[in-house]
Amino acid sequence: MAFLLRHIVKFAARKIAADPVARDQATRAARGVAREVKQIAKDEDPAKAAGRAMRRALDKLNSAD
């Protein structure tokens, strides 16, 4: 299982490195994740904050359909 995940990650990294548009999208996604992590770390109840962040992510994915 770990081999498969490692292979997928390497494939994605190569694709992102080769395509400027994908690099830009990956950069924006990483910054968004970092922003969420900071917000979770600052919150009094990190578990609750993580749940809210997950709900926002799921709502965003569902609205994209």
C-alpha atoms as a PDB file:
ATOM      1  CA  MET A   1       0.000   0.000   0.000  1.00  0.00           C
ATOM      2  CA  ALA A   2       2.775   2.426   0.905  1.00  0.00           C
ATOM      3  CA  PHE A   3       4.491   1.670  -2.406  1.00  0.00           C
ATOM      4  CA  LEU A   4       1.348   2.629  -4.319  1.00  0.00           C
ATOM      5  CA  LEU A   5       0.936   5.899  -2.422  1.00  0.00           C
ATOM      6  CA  ARG A   6       4.607   6.733  -2.896  1.00  0.00           C
ATOM      7  CA  HIS A   7       4.267   6.089  -6.631  1.00  0.00           C
ATOM      8  CA  ILE A   8       1.196   8.343  -6.874  1.00  0.00           C
ATOM      9  CA  VAL A   9       2.926  11.149  -4.970  1.00  0.00           C
ATOM     10  CA  LYS A  10       6.010  10.951  -7.197  1.00  0.00           C
ATOM     11  CA  PHE A  11       3.834  10.989 -10.324  1.00  0.00           C
ATOM     12  CA  ALA A  12       1.914  14.039  -9.083  1.00  0.00           C
ATOM     13  CA  ALA A  13       5.136  15.841  -8.142  1.00  0.00           C
ATOM     14  CA  ARG A  14       6.577  15.281 -11.620  1.00  0.00           C
ATOM     15  CA  LYS A  15       3.396  16.539 -13.283  1.00  0.00           C
ATOM     16  CA  ILE A  16       3.276  19.634 -11.079  1.00  0.00           C
ATOM     17  CA  ALA A  17       6.960  20.383 -11.684  1.00  0.00           C
ATOM     18  CA  ALA A  18       6.535  20.168 -15.445  1.00  0.00           C
ATOM     19  CA  ASP A  19       3.412  22.344 -15.791  1.00  0.00           C
ATOM     20  CA  PRO A  20       3.470  26.035 -14.772  1.00  0.00           C
ATOM     21  CA  VAL A  21      -0.329  26.154 -14.360  1.00  0.00           C
ATOM     22  CA  ALA A  22      -0.275  23.093 -12.092  1.00  0.00           C
ATOM     23  CA  ARG A  23       2.573  24.655 -10.074  1.00  0.00           C
ATOM     24  CA  ASP A  24       0.451  27.763  -9.530  1.00  0.00           C
ATOM     25  CA  GLN A  25      -2.566  25.694  -8.464  1.00  0.00           C
ATOM     26  CA  ALA A  26      -0.452  23.586  -6.107  1.00  0.00           C
ATOM     27  CA  THR A  27       1.059  26.717  -4.568  1.00  0.00           C
ATOM     28  CA  ARG A  28      -2.371  28.247  -3.952  1.00  0.00           C
ATOM     29  CA  ALA A  29      -3.647  24.987  -2.466  1.00  0.00           C
ATOM     30  CA  ALA A  30      -0.636  24.695  -0.141  1.00  0.00           C
ATOM     31  CA  ARG A  31      -1.108  28.266   1.069  1.00  0.00           C
ATOM     32  CA  GLY A  32      -4.782  27.571   1.749  1.00  0.00           C
ATOM     33  CA  VAL A  33      -3.905  24.477   3.750  1.00  0.00           C
ATOM     34  CA  ALA A  34      -1.305  26.425   5.724  1.00  0.00           C
ATOM     35  CA  ARG A  35      -3.894  29.108   6.496  1.00  0.00           C
ATOM     36  CA  GLU A  36      -6.330  26.456   7.781  1.00  0.00           C
ATOM     37  CA  VAL A  37      -3.618  24.823   9.908  1.00  0.00           C
ATOM     38  CA  LYS A  38      -2.752  28.159  11.521  1.00  0.00           C
ATOM     39  CA  GLN A  39      -6.408  28.774  12.282  1.00  0.00           C
ATOM     40  CA  ILE A  40      -6.779  25.316  13.854  1.00  0.00           C
ATOM     41  CA  ALA A  41      -3.615  25.781  15.937  1.00  0.00           C
ATOM     42  CA  LYS A  42      -4.822  29.130  17.333  1.00  0.00           C
ATOM     43  CA  ASP A  43      -8.279  27.878  18.321  1.00  0.00           C
ATOM     44  CA  GLU A  44      -9.100  26.976  21.939  1.00  0.00           C
ATOM     45  CA  ASP A  45     -10.605  23.644  20.837  1.00  0.00           C
ATOM     46  CA  PRO A  46      -8.423  22.298  17.986  1.00  0.00           C
ATOM     47  CA  ALA A  47     -10.638  19.260  17.386  1.00  0.00           C
ATOM     48  CA  LYS A  48     -13.690  21.449  16.851  1.00  0.00           C
ATOM     49  CA  ALA A  49     -11.715  23.782  14.575  1.00  0.00           C
ATOM     50  CA  ALA A  50     -10.452  20.817  12.552  1.00  0.00           C
ATOM     51  CA  GLY A  51     -14.025  19.584  12.166  1.00  0.00           C
ATOM     52  CA  ARG A  52     -15.153  22.992  10.917  1.00  0.00           C
ATOM     53  CA  ALA A  53     -12.260  23.094   8.447  1.00  0.00           C
ATOM     54  CA  MET A  54     -13.166  19.622   7.182  1.00  0.00           C
ATOM     55  CA  ARG A  55     -16.809  20.660   6.777  1.00  0.00           C
ATOM     56  CA  ARG A  56     -15.746  23.740   4.760  1.00  0.00           C
ATOM     57  CA  ALA A  57     -13.574  21.553   2.525  1.00  0.00           C
ATOM     58  CA  LEU A  58     -16.370  19.027   1.972  1.00  0.00           C
ATOM     59  CA  ASP A  59     -18.893  21.781   1.233  1.00  0.00           C
ATOM     60  CA  LYS A  60     -16.473  23.270  -1.261  1.00  0.00           C
ATOM     61  CA  LEU A  61     -16.018  19.908  -2.979  1.00  0.00           C
ATOM     62  CA  ASN A  62     -19.757  19.256  -3.083  1.00  0.00           C
ATOM     63  CA  SER A  63     -20.538  22.691  -4.508  1.00  0.00           C
ATOM     64  CA  ALA A  64     -18.040  22.108  -7.347  1.00  0.00           C
ATOM     65  CA  ASP A  65     -20.223  19.311  -8.775  1.00  0.00           C
END
